[in-house]
Amino acid sequence: MQKIAFLGPAATFTNLAVCHAFPGEEHVPYPTIPACMDAVINGDMDFAVVPIENTLEGTVNLTIDYLFHEADLKIVAELTEPIQQHLLVHKEYAYEWQKTEKVLSHPHAIAQCHKFLHSYFPDNPHEQMTSTAAAAKYVKEHPEQRLAAIANELSAQEYDLAVARPNIHDYEFNQTRFIVLAKQETDLSLPLARPRDKTTVVITLPSDRPGALHQVLSAFSWRNINLSKIESRPLKTGLGNYFFIIDIEQRMDQVLMPGAFAEMEALGCKVHILGSYQAYAIQYE
């Protein structure tokens, strides 16, 4: 049985994604994203599943930065999960949910439900928690307070709470991307439908070459290699120094992509392949 580390506690959206992608395996919660990665590096876990991007809130910078600066791991799969945020309260307060005195959740979840909170709780405090599940757990453990959590349906089941108002997120098209990490490249096949191919690379530009980023993009362009995302992050070596993380919509081949990377290295760039893998979409009925 394989061991899968995920951002906990139990019933987070990461946990939900892991349940769909790795049914029947051992799922172990860890308190932080770096702790998930460290568990794989130390050999305690076979894989780690951590969030990397949300439709509404953008990139999870901690994931990218720790992967680049600290963790020598490979991306072996990607999971895209639809995000459905619900307002959870104690069951005895289900019909009086509007009397809630404080709403708790992860800061991203609070931001994703801004319109609902502004409409129903404009003067109530919103307290940030380490995860949506941690918020649900806290509400469960404090029945004497009029609290509500923004979390998923799995959290309602796990912590025996009532879904007072379902689907309170501002936008219907809300998804989170997760990456599956391992110590070595692994041809991972998951029980999910219609995967597509991807490769993720990190490129560091030479500091003294004008037009280097344009030349990097040209190396992809004239080979007709399609990019789905490019993003810069600080190198942490001084102002104005960045690395670029690039998602490519195909698997690593034997000719075109090695040729593109060789061209970039000839320009003085550093190229690091984080992984060539399959990207899966989790679909709910």
C-alpha atoms as a PDB file:
ATOM      1  CA  MET A   1       0.000   0.000   0.000  1.00  0.00           C
ATOM      2  CA  GLN A   2       1.337   3.411  -0.981  1.00  0.00           C
ATOM      3  CA  LYS A   3       1.495   6.292   1.497  1.00  0.00           C
ATOM      4  CA  ILE A   4       0.184   9.669   0.332  1.00  0.00           C
ATOM      5  CA  ALA A   5       0.941  12.860   2.259  1.00  0.00           C
ATOM      6  CA  PHE A   6      -1.587  15.671   1.932  1.00  0.00           C
ATOM      7  CA  LEU A   7      -2.196  19.113   3.403  1.00  0.00           C
ATOM      8  CA  GLY A   8      -4.347  18.404   6.461  1.00  0.00           C
ATOM      9  CA  PRO A   9      -6.167  18.057   8.686  1.00  0.00           C
ATOM     10  CA  ALA A  10      -8.678  15.472   7.484  1.00  0.00           C
ATOM     11  CA  ALA A  11     -11.356  16.700   5.041  1.00  0.00           C
ATOM     12  CA  THR A  12      -9.411  19.482   3.326  1.00  0.00           C
ATOM     13  CA  PHE A  13      -9.901  19.955  -0.407  1.00  0.00           C
ATOM     14  CA  THR A  14      -6.487  18.322  -0.807  1.00  0.00           C
ATOM     15  CA  ASN A  15      -7.783  15.306   1.115  1.00  0.00           C
ATOM     16  CA  LEU A  16     -10.814  15.198  -1.179  1.00  0.00           C
ATOM     17  CA  ALA A  17      -8.581  15.191  -4.260  1.00  0.00           C
ATOM     18  CA  VAL A  18      -6.404  12.435  -2.775  1.00  0.00           C
ATOM     19  CA  CYS A  19      -9.467  10.277  -2.080  1.00  0.00           C
ATOM     20  CA  HIS A  20     -10.421  10.431  -5.770  1.00  0.00           C
ATOM     21  CA  ALA A  21      -6.911   9.955  -7.149  1.00  0.00           C
ATOM     22  CA  PHE A  22      -5.592   7.343  -4.706  1.00  0.00           C
ATOM     23  CA  PRO A  23      -8.528   5.213  -3.510  1.00  0.00           C
ATOM     24  CA  GLY A  24      -7.519   2.355  -1.263  1.00  0.00           C
ATOM     25  CA  GLU A  25      -4.125   3.845  -0.399  1.00  0.00           C
ATOM     26  CA  GLU A  26      -2.989   5.237   2.967  1.00  0.00           C
ATOM     27  CA  HIS A  27      -3.691   8.969   3.241  1.00  0.00           C
ATOM     28  CA  VAL A  28      -1.687  10.853   5.889  1.00  0.00           C
ATOM     29  CA  PRO A  29      -2.374  14.516   6.786  1.00  0.00           C
ATOM     30  CA  TYR A  30       0.472  16.966   7.406  1.00  0.00           C
ATOM     31  CA  PRO A  31       0.049  20.485   8.855  1.00  0.00           C
ATOM     32  CA  THR A  32       1.892  22.449   6.160  1.00  0.00           C
ATOM     33  CA  ILE A  33       2.899  22.265   2.497  1.00  0.00           C
ATOM     34  CA  PRO A  34       6.649  22.035   3.311  1.00  0.00           C
ATOM     35  CA  ALA A  35       5.918  19.236   5.805  1.00  0.00           C
ATOM     36  CA  CYS A  36       4.192  17.253   3.033  1.00  0.00           C
ATOM     37  CA  MET A  37       7.222  17.620   0.770  1.00  0.00           C
ATOM     38  CA  ASP A  38       9.693  16.843   3.558  1.00  0.00           C
ATOM     39  CA  ALA A  39       7.839  13.602   4.321  1.00  0.00           C
ATOM     40  CA  VAL A  40       8.589  12.400   0.776  1.00  0.00           C
ATOM     41  CA  ILE A  41      12.185  13.642   0.855  1.00  0.00           C
ATOM     42  CA  ASN A  42      12.768  11.780   4.141  1.00  0.00           C
ATOM     43  CA  GLY A  43      11.244   8.586   2.749  1.00  0.00           C
ATOM     44  CA  ASP A  44       8.287   8.531   5.149  1.00  0.00           C
ATOM     45  CA  MET A  45       5.779   8.948   2.307  1.00  0.00           C
ATOM     46  CA  ASP A  46       5.698   7.753  -1.308  1.00  0.00           C
ATOM     47  CA  PHE A  47       3.898  10.812  -2.703  1.00  0.00           C
ATOM     48  CA  ALA A  48       2.813  14.267  -1.581  1.00  0.00           C
ATOM     49  CA  VAL A  49      -0.239  16.100  -2.915  1.00  0.00           C
ATOM     50  CA  VAL A  50      -0.187  19.870  -2.454  1.00  0.00           C
ATOM     51  CA  PRO A  51      -2.112  22.787  -3.995  1.00  0.00           C
ATOM     52  CA  ILE A  52      -0.372  24.935  -6.600  1.00  0.00           C
ATOM     53  CA  GLU A  53      -3.047  27.209  -8.105  1.00  0.00           C
ATOM     54  CA  ASN A  54      -6.655  28.349  -7.646  1.00  0.00           C
ATOM     55  CA  THR A  55      -8.865  29.896 -10.313  1.00  0.00           C
ATOM     56  CA  LEU A  56      -9.801  32.889  -8.166  1.00  0.00           C
ATOM     57  CA  GLU A  57      -6.806  33.379  -5.882  1.00  0.00           C
ATOM     58  CA  GLY A  58      -3.988  32.451  -8.256  1.00  0.00           C
ATOM     59  CA  THR A  59      -0.729  30.664  -7.537  1.00  0.00           C
ATOM     60  CA  VAL A  60       0.143  29.126  -4.186  1.00  0.00           C
ATOM     61  CA  ASN A  61       3.557  30.763  -3.955  1.00  0.00           C
ATOM     62  CA  LEU A  62       4.726  28.645  -1.010  1.00  0.00           C
ATOM     63  CA  THR A  63       4.429  25.489  -3.113  1.00  0.00           C
ATOM     64  CA  ILE A  64       6.488  26.871  -6.009  1.00  0.00           C
ATOM     65  CA  ASP A  65       9.122  28.527  -3.821  1.00  0.00           C
ATOM     66  CA  TYR A  66       9.693  25.504  -1.577  1.00  0.00           C
ATOM     67  CA  LEU A  67       9.830  23.198  -4.582  1.00  0.00           C
ATOM     68  CA  PHE A  68      12.412  25.429  -6.284  1.00  0.00           C
ATOM     69  CA  HIS A  69      14.582  26.473  -3.338  1.00  0.00           C
ATOM     70  CA  GLU A  70      14.366  23.542  -0.909  1.00  0.00           C
ATOM     71  CA  ALA A  71      12.778  20.328  -2.192  1.00  0.00           C
ATOM     72  CA  ASP A  72      14.454  18.085  -4.757  1.00  0.00           C
ATOM     73  CA  LEU A  73      11.242  16.436  -5.951  1.00  0.00           C
ATOM     74  CA  LYS A  74       9.577  15.610  -9.260  1.00  0.00           C
ATOM     75  CA  ILE A  75       6.038  16.404 -10.382  1.00  0.00           C
ATOM     76  CA  VAL A  76       4.551  13.047 -11.412  1.00  0.00           C
ATOM     77  CA  ALA A  77       0.900  14.051 -11.907  1.00  0.00           C
ATOM     78  CA  GLU A  78      -1.516  16.966 -11.706  1.00  0.00           C
ATOM     79  CA  LEU A  79      -5.076  16.983 -10.330  1.00  0.00           C
ATOM     80  CA  THR A  80      -7.666  19.673 -11.062  1.00  0.00           C
ATOM     81  CA  GLU A  81     -10.591  19.699  -8.656  1.00  0.00           C
ATOM     82  CA  PRO A  82     -13.799  21.776  -8.746  1.00  0.00           C
ATOM     83  CA  ILE A  83     -14.136  23.809  -5.533  1.00  0.00           C
ATOM     84  CA  GLN A  84     -17.523  24.011  -3.852  1.00  0.00           C
ATOM     85  CA  GLN A  85     -17.591  26.108  -0.686  1.00  0.00           C
ATOM     86  CA  HIS A  86     -20.386  25.646   1.867  1.00  0.00           C
ATOM     87  CA  LEU A  87     -21.326  27.425   5.101  1.00  0.00           C
ATOM     88  CA  LEU A  88     -21.117  24.870   7.922  1.00  0.00           C
ATOM     89  CA  VAL A  89     -22.612  25.314  11.410  1.00  0.00           C
ATOM     90  CA  HIS A  90     -23.572  23.122  14.359  1.00  0.00           C
ATOM     91  CA  LYS A  91     -26.655  21.103  13.548  1.00  0.00           C
ATOM     92  CA  GLU A  92     -28.664  22.741  16.344  1.00  0.00           C
ATOM     93  CA  TYR A  93     -27.989  26.145  14.720  1.00  0.00           C
ATOM     94  CA  ALA A  94     -28.809  25.052  11.169  1.00  0.00           C
ATOM     95  CA  TYR A  95     -32.064  27.017  10.996  1.00  0.00           C
ATOM     96  CA  GLU A  96     -30.563  30.044  12.759  1.00  0.00           C
ATOM     97  CA  TRP A  97     -27.341  30.274  10.750  1.00  0.00           C
ATOM     98  CA  GLN A  98     -27.842  33.997  10.160  1.00  0.00           C
ATOM     99  CA  LYS A  99     -27.188  34.539  13.884  1.00  0.00           C
ATOM    100  CA  THR A 100     -23.591  33.435  13.347  1.00  0.00           C
ATOM    101  CA  GLU A 101     -21.184  35.686  15.260  1.00  0.00           C
ATOM    102  CA  LYS A 102     -17.926  34.756  13.520  1.00  0.00           C
ATOM    103  CA  VAL A 103     -16.966  33.007  10.251  1.00  0.00           C
ATOM    104  CA  LEU A 104     -13.767  30.956  10.076  1.00  0.00           C
ATOM    105  CA  SER A 105     -11.865  29.554   7.104  1.00  0.00           C
ATOM    106  CA  HIS A 106      -8.668  29.570   5.077  1.00  0.00           C
ATOM    107  CA  PRO A 107      -7.971  33.074   3.686  1.00  0.00           C
ATOM    108  CA  HIS A 108      -8.430  31.853   0.104  1.00  0.00           C
ATOM    109  CA  ALA A 109     -11.859  30.432   0.947  1.00  0.00           C
ATOM    110  CA  ILE A 110     -12.886  33.669   2.653  1.00  0.00           C
ATOM    111  CA  ALA A 111     -11.832  35.600  -0.438  1.00  0.00           C
ATOM    112  CA  GLN A 112     -13.730  33.180  -2.701  1.00  0.00           C
ATOM    113  CA  CYS A 113     -16.967  33.879  -0.774  1.00  0.00           C
ATOM    114  CA  HIS A 114     -16.658  37.656  -0.482  1.00  0.00           C
ATOM    115  CA  LYS A 115     -20.060  38.450  -2.005  1.00  0.00           C
ATOM    116  CA  PHE A 116     -21.920  36.055   0.281  1.00  0.00           C
ATOM    117  CA  LEU A 117     -20.108  37.297   3.385  1.00  0.00           C
ATOM    118  CA  HIS A 118     -20.700  40.923   2.412  1.00  0.00           C
ATOM    119  CA  SER A 119     -24.418  40.239   1.930  1.00  0.00           C
ATOM    120  CA  TYR A 120     -25.109  38.215   5.084  1.00  0.00           C
ATOM    121  CA  PHE A 121     -22.285  39.018   7.522  1.00  0.00           C
ATOM    122  CA  PRO A 122     -21.004  42.512   6.629  1.00  0.00           C
ATOM    123  CA  ASP A 123     -20.197  43.405  10.251  1.00  0.00           C
ATOM    124  CA  ASN A 124     -19.098  40.007  11.539  1.00  0.00           C
ATOM    125  CA  PRO A 125     -15.414  39.164  11.993  1.00  0.00           C
ATOM    126  CA  HIS A 126     -13.784  36.685   9.617  1.00  0.00           C
ATOM    127  CA  GLU A 127     -11.022  34.667  11.250  1.00  0.00           C
ATOM    128  CA  GLN A 128      -8.313  33.045   9.129  1.00  0.00           C
ATOM    129  CA  MET A 129      -7.381  29.404   9.720  1.00  0.00           C
ATOM    130  CA  THR A 130      -4.658  27.174   8.272  1.00  0.00           C
ATOM    131  CA  SER A 131      -7.220  25.282   6.162  1.00  0.00           C
ATOM    132  CA  THR A 132     -10.951  24.980   5.549  1.00  0.00           C
ATOM    133  CA  ALA A 133     -10.976  21.681   7.451  1.00  0.00           C
ATOM    134  CA  ALA A 134      -9.190  23.268  10.408  1.00  0.00           C
ATOM    135  CA  ALA A 135     -11.997  25.828  10.506  1.00  0.00           C
ATOM    136  CA  ALA A 136     -14.645  23.093  10.502  1.00  0.00           C
ATOM    137  CA  LYS A 137     -12.759  21.218  13.232  1.00  0.00           C
ATOM    138  CA  TYR A 138     -12.603  24.361  15.385  1.00  0.00           C
ATOM    139  CA  VAL A 139     -16.341  24.959  14.977  1.00  0.00           C
ATOM    140  CA  LYS A 140     -17.014  21.347  15.976  1.00  0.00           C
ATOM    141  CA  GLU A 141     -14.876  21.723  19.110  1.00  0.00           C
ATOM    142  CA  HIS A 142     -16.574  24.960  20.265  1.00  0.00           C
ATOM    143  CA  PRO A 143     -20.332  24.243  20.345  1.00  0.00           C
ATOM    144  CA  GLU A 144     -20.885  26.954  22.949  1.00  0.00           C
ATOM    145  CA  GLN A 145     -20.050  29.653  20.358  1.00  0.00           C
ATOM    146  CA  ARG A 146     -22.117  30.795  17.386  1.00  0.00           C
ATOM    147  CA  LEU A 147     -19.469  29.992  14.796  1.00  0.00           C
ATOM    148  CA  ALA A 148     -19.577  29.041  11.123  1.00  0.00           C
ATOM    149  CA  ALA A 149     -16.928  27.543   8.855  1.00  0.00           C
ATOM    150  CA  ILE A 150     -16.501  27.846   5.121  1.00  0.00           C
ATOM    151  CA  ALA A 151     -15.503  24.370   3.966  1.00  0.00           C
ATOM    152  CA  ASN A 152     -16.453  21.420   1.763  1.00  0.00           C
ATOM    153  CA  GLU A 153     -19.036  18.687   2.166  1.00  0.00           C
ATOM    154  CA  LEU A 154     -16.400  16.190   3.330  1.00  0.00           C
ATOM    155  CA  SER A 155     -15.686  18.506   6.282  1.00  0.00           C
ATOM    156  CA  ALA A 156     -19.398  18.535   7.146  1.00  0.00           C
ATOM    157  CA  GLN A 157     -19.343  14.726   7.274  1.00  0.00           C
ATOM    158  CA  GLU A 158     -16.006  14.462   9.074  1.00  0.00           C
ATOM    159  CA  TYR A 159     -16.908  16.950  11.818  1.00  0.00           C
ATOM    160  CA  ASP A 160     -20.662  16.280  12.002  1.00  0.00           C
ATOM    161  CA  LEU A 161     -21.751  19.774  10.969  1.00  0.00           C
ATOM    162  CA  ALA A 162     -24.771  20.964   9.012  1.00  0.00           C
ATOM    163  CA  VAL A 163     -24.541  22.573   5.577  1.00  0.00           C
ATOM    164  CA  ALA A 164     -26.473  25.741   6.363  1.00  0.00           C
ATOM    165  CA  ARG A 165     -25.962  27.265   2.910  1.00  0.00           C
ATOM    166  CA  PRO A 166     -24.439  25.286   0.009  1.00  0.00           C
ATOM    167  CA  ASN A 167     -22.304  26.713  -2.800  1.00  0.00           C
ATOM    168  CA  ILE A 168     -21.635  30.156  -1.351  1.00  0.00           C
ATOM    169  CA  HIS A 169     -18.587  30.838  -3.543  1.00  0.00           C
ATOM    170  CA  ASP A 170     -18.744  33.947  -5.721  1.00  0.00           C
ATOM    171  CA  TYR A 171     -18.106  32.240  -9.054  1.00  0.00           C
ATOM    172  CA  GLU A 172     -19.291  28.880 -10.345  1.00  0.00           C
ATOM    173  CA  PHE A 173     -16.089  28.147 -12.240  1.00  0.00           C
ATOM    174  CA  ASN A 174     -13.789  27.716  -9.263  1.00  0.00           C
ATOM    175  CA  GLN A 175     -11.071  25.082  -9.429  1.00  0.00           C
ATOM    176  CA  THR A 176      -7.837  24.247  -7.655  1.00  0.00           C
ATOM    177  CA  ARG A 177      -4.849  22.543  -9.246  1.00  0.00           C
ATOM    178  CA  PHE A 178      -2.801  20.126  -7.151  1.00  0.00           C
ATOM    179  CA  ILE A 179       0.520  18.535  -8.002  1.00  0.00           C
ATOM    180  CA  VAL A 180       1.606  15.032  -7.020  1.00  0.00           C
ATOM    181  CA  LEU A 181       5.269  14.921  -5.984  1.00  0.00           C
ATOM    182  CA  ALA A 182       7.716  12.018  -5.702  1.00  0.00           C
ATOM    183  CA  LYS A 183      11.466  11.597  -5.181  1.00  0.00           C
ATOM    184  CA  GLN A 184      11.951  10.154  -8.665  1.00  0.00           C
ATOM    185  CA  GLU A 185      10.209  10.334 -12.015  1.00  0.00           C
ATOM    186  CA  THR A 186       7.316   7.879 -11.999  1.00  0.00           C
ATOM    187  CA  ASP A 187       4.893   6.961 -14.768  1.00  0.00           C
ATOM    188  CA  LEU A 188       1.849   7.348 -12.553  1.00  0.00           C
ATOM    189  CA  SER A 189      -1.524   6.158 -13.860  1.00  0.00           C
ATOM    190  CA  LEU A 190      -4.525   7.259 -11.792  1.00  0.00           C
ATOM    191  CA  PRO A 191      -8.163   6.027 -11.927  1.00  0.00           C
ATOM    192  CA  LEU A 192      -9.409   9.286 -13.447  1.00  0.00           C
ATOM    193  CA  ALA A 193     -10.711   9.919 -16.955  1.00  0.00           C
ATOM    194  CA  ARG A 194      -9.145  11.670 -19.957  1.00  0.00           C
ATOM    195  CA  PRO A 195      -5.734  12.870 -18.790  1.00  0.00           C
ATOM    196  CA  ARG A 196      -3.681  15.259 -20.905  1.00  0.00           C
ATOM    197  CA  ASP A 197       0.087  15.533 -21.201  1.00  0.00           C
ATOM    198  CA  LYS A 198       2.139  18.287 -19.533  1.00  0.00           C
ATOM    199  CA  THR A 199       5.711  19.199 -18.740  1.00  0.00           C
ATOM    200  CA  THR A 200       6.798  21.798 -16.182  1.00  0.00           C
ATOM    201  CA  VAL A 201      10.199  23.462 -16.324  1.00  0.00           C
ATOM    202  CA  VAL A 202      12.014  26.171 -14.389  1.00  0.00           C
ATOM    203  CA  ILE A 203      14.218  28.568 -16.315  1.00  0.00           C
ATOM    204  CA  THR A 204      16.704  31.029 -14.848  1.00  0.00           C
ATOM    205  CA  LEU A 205      17.851  33.766 -17.224  1.00  0.00           C
ATOM    206  CA  PRO A 206      21.406  35.114 -17.514  1.00  0.00           C
ATOM    207  CA  SER A 207      21.678  38.438 -15.696  1.00  0.00           C
ATOM    208  CA  ASP A 208      23.556  40.325 -18.401  1.00  0.00           C
ATOM    209  CA  ARG A 209      21.823  39.331 -21.648  1.00  0.00           C
ATOM    210  CA  PRO A 210      19.198  41.742 -23.031  1.00  0.00           C
ATOM    211  CA  GLY A 211      16.148  40.095 -24.586  1.00  0.00           C
ATOM    212  CA  ALA A 212      16.831  36.712 -22.972  1.00  0.00           C
ATOM    213  CA  LEU A 213      13.181  36.041 -22.085  1.00  0.00           C
ATOM    214  CA  HIS A 214      12.122  36.867 -25.649  1.00  0.00           C
ATOM    215  CA  GLN A 215      14.699  34.417 -26.972  1.00  0.00           C
ATOM    216  CA  VAL A 216      13.477  31.721 -24.559  1.00  0.00           C
ATOM    217  CA  LEU A 217       9.896  32.144 -25.742  1.00  0.00           C
ATOM    218  CA  SER A 218      11.066  32.165 -29.359  1.00  0.00           C
ATOM    219  CA  ALA A 219      12.775  28.803 -28.822  1.00  0.00           C
ATOM    220  CA  PHE A 220       9.360  27.374 -27.967  1.00  0.00           C
ATOM    221  CA  SER A 221       7.450  29.347 -30.580  1.00  0.00           C
ATOM    222  CA  TRP A 222       9.284  28.399 -33.769  1.00  0.00           C
ATOM    223  CA  ARG A 223       9.134  24.727 -32.724  1.00  0.00           C
ATOM    224  CA  ASN A 224       5.345  25.065 -32.313  1.00  0.00           C
ATOM    225  CA  ILE A 225       5.542  24.053 -28.630  1.00  0.00           C
ATOM    226  CA  ASN A 226       2.435  25.297 -26.824  1.00  0.00           C
ATOM    227  CA  LEU A 227       2.816  26.938 -23.405  1.00  0.00           C
ATOM    228  CA  SER A 228      -0.176  27.136 -21.050  1.00  0.00           C
ATOM    229  CA  LYS A 229       1.435  29.220 -18.303  1.00  0.00           C
ATOM    230  CA  ILE A 230       4.528  31.283 -17.543  1.00  0.00           C
ATOM    231  CA  GLU A 231       5.094  32.938 -14.189  1.00  0.00           C
ATOM    232  CA  SER A 232       8.008  34.650 -12.491  1.00  0.00           C
ATOM    233  CA  ARG A 233       9.083  34.243  -8.870  1.00  0.00           C
ATOM    234  CA  PRO A 234      11.913  35.941  -6.952  1.00  0.00           C
ATOM    235  CA  LEU A 235      15.230  34.134  -6.880  1.00  0.00           C
ATOM    236  CA  LYS A 236      15.785  35.598  -3.387  1.00  0.00           C
ATOM    237  CA  THR A 237      19.257  36.755  -4.420  1.00  0.00           C
ATOM    238  CA  GLY A 238      18.428  40.452  -4.899  1.00  0.00           C
ATOM    239  CA  LEU A 239      15.836  42.785  -6.332  1.00  0.00           C
ATOM    240  CA  GLY A 240      15.089  42.167 -10.000  1.00  0.00           C
ATOM    241  CA  ASN A 241      16.340  38.568  -9.984  1.00  0.00           C
ATOM    242  CA  TYR A 242      13.692  36.016 -10.961  1.00  0.00           C
ATOM    243  CA  PHE A 243      13.171  32.472 -12.127  1.00  0.00           C
ATOM    244  CA  PHE A 244      10.369  31.477 -14.500  1.00  0.00           C
ATOM    245  CA  ILE A 245       8.139  28.439 -14.095  1.00  0.00           C
ATOM    246  CA  ILE A 246       6.635  27.327 -17.410  1.00  0.00           C
ATOM    247  CA  ASP A 247       3.899  24.777 -18.138  1.00  0.00           C
ATOM    248  CA  ILE A 248       4.131  23.073 -21.542  1.00  0.00           C
ATOM    249  CA  GLU A 249       1.138  21.266 -23.051  1.00  0.00           C
ATOM    250  CA  GLN A 250       2.961  18.072 -24.044  1.00  0.00           C
ATOM    251  CA  ARG A 251       5.169  15.341 -22.622  1.00  0.00           C
ATOM    252  CA  MET A 252       8.923  15.411 -22.956  1.00  0.00           C
ATOM    253  CA  ASP A 253       9.919  14.175 -26.419  1.00  0.00           C
ATOM    254  CA  GLN A 254      13.220  13.152 -27.996  1.00  0.00           C
ATOM    255  CA  VAL A 255      13.740  16.052 -30.408  1.00  0.00           C
ATOM    256  CA  LEU A 256      11.809  19.326 -30.099  1.00  0.00           C
ATOM    257  CA  MET A 257      11.927  20.032 -26.373  1.00  0.00           C
ATOM    258  CA  PRO A 258      15.534  18.872 -25.842  1.00  0.00           C
ATOM    259  CA  GLY A 259      16.454  21.114 -28.781  1.00  0.00           C
ATOM    260  CA  ALA A 260      14.640  24.071 -27.235  1.00  0.00           C
ATOM    261  CA  PHE A 261      16.359  23.542 -23.885  1.00  0.00           C
ATOM    262  CA  ALA A 262      19.777  23.198 -25.533  1.00  0.00           C
ATOM    263  CA  GLU A 263      19.169  26.488 -27.352  1.00  0.00           C
ATOM    264  CA  MET A 264      18.307  28.181 -24.046  1.00  0.00           C
ATOM    265  CA  GLU A 265      21.379  26.793 -22.319  1.00  0.00           C
ATOM    266  CA  ALA A 266      23.509  28.099 -25.190  1.00  0.00           C
ATOM    267  CA  LEU A 267      22.109  31.551 -24.347  1.00  0.00           C
ATOM    268  CA  GLY A 268      23.336  31.159 -20.772  1.00  0.00           C
ATOM    269  CA  CYS A 269      20.004  30.080 -19.243  1.00  0.00           C
ATOM    270  CA  LYS A 270      19.658  27.355 -16.637  1.00  0.00           C
ATOM    271  CA  VAL A 271      16.901  24.833 -17.356  1.00  0.00           C
ATOM    272  CA  HIS A 272      15.497  22.437 -14.754  1.00  0.00           C
ATOM    273  CA  ILE A 273      12.725  19.981 -15.636  1.00  0.00           C
ATOM    274  CA  LEU A 274      10.356  19.624 -12.668  1.00  0.00           C
ATOM    275  CA  GLY A 275       8.392  16.852 -14.327  1.00  0.00           C
ATOM    276  CA  SER A 276       6.760  15.426 -17.438  1.00  0.00           C
ATOM    277  CA  TYR A 277       3.451  13.874 -16.468  1.00  0.00           C
ATOM    278  CA  GLN A 278      -0.282  13.456 -16.996  1.00  0.00           C
ATOM    279  CA  ALA A 279      -2.792  16.063 -15.814  1.00  0.00           C
ATOM    280  CA  TYR A 280      -6.160  14.760 -14.608  1.00  0.00           C
ATOM    281  CA  ALA A 281      -9.485  16.525 -14.015  1.00  0.00           C
ATOM    282  CA  ILE A 282     -11.618  15.319 -11.113  1.00  0.00           C
ATOM    283  CA  GLN A 283     -15.297  15.452 -12.036  1.00  0.00           C
ATOM    284  CA  TYR A 284     -18.238  15.377  -9.638  1.00  0.00           C
ATOM    285  CA  GLU A 285     -21.685  14.196 -10.610  1.00  0.00           C
END
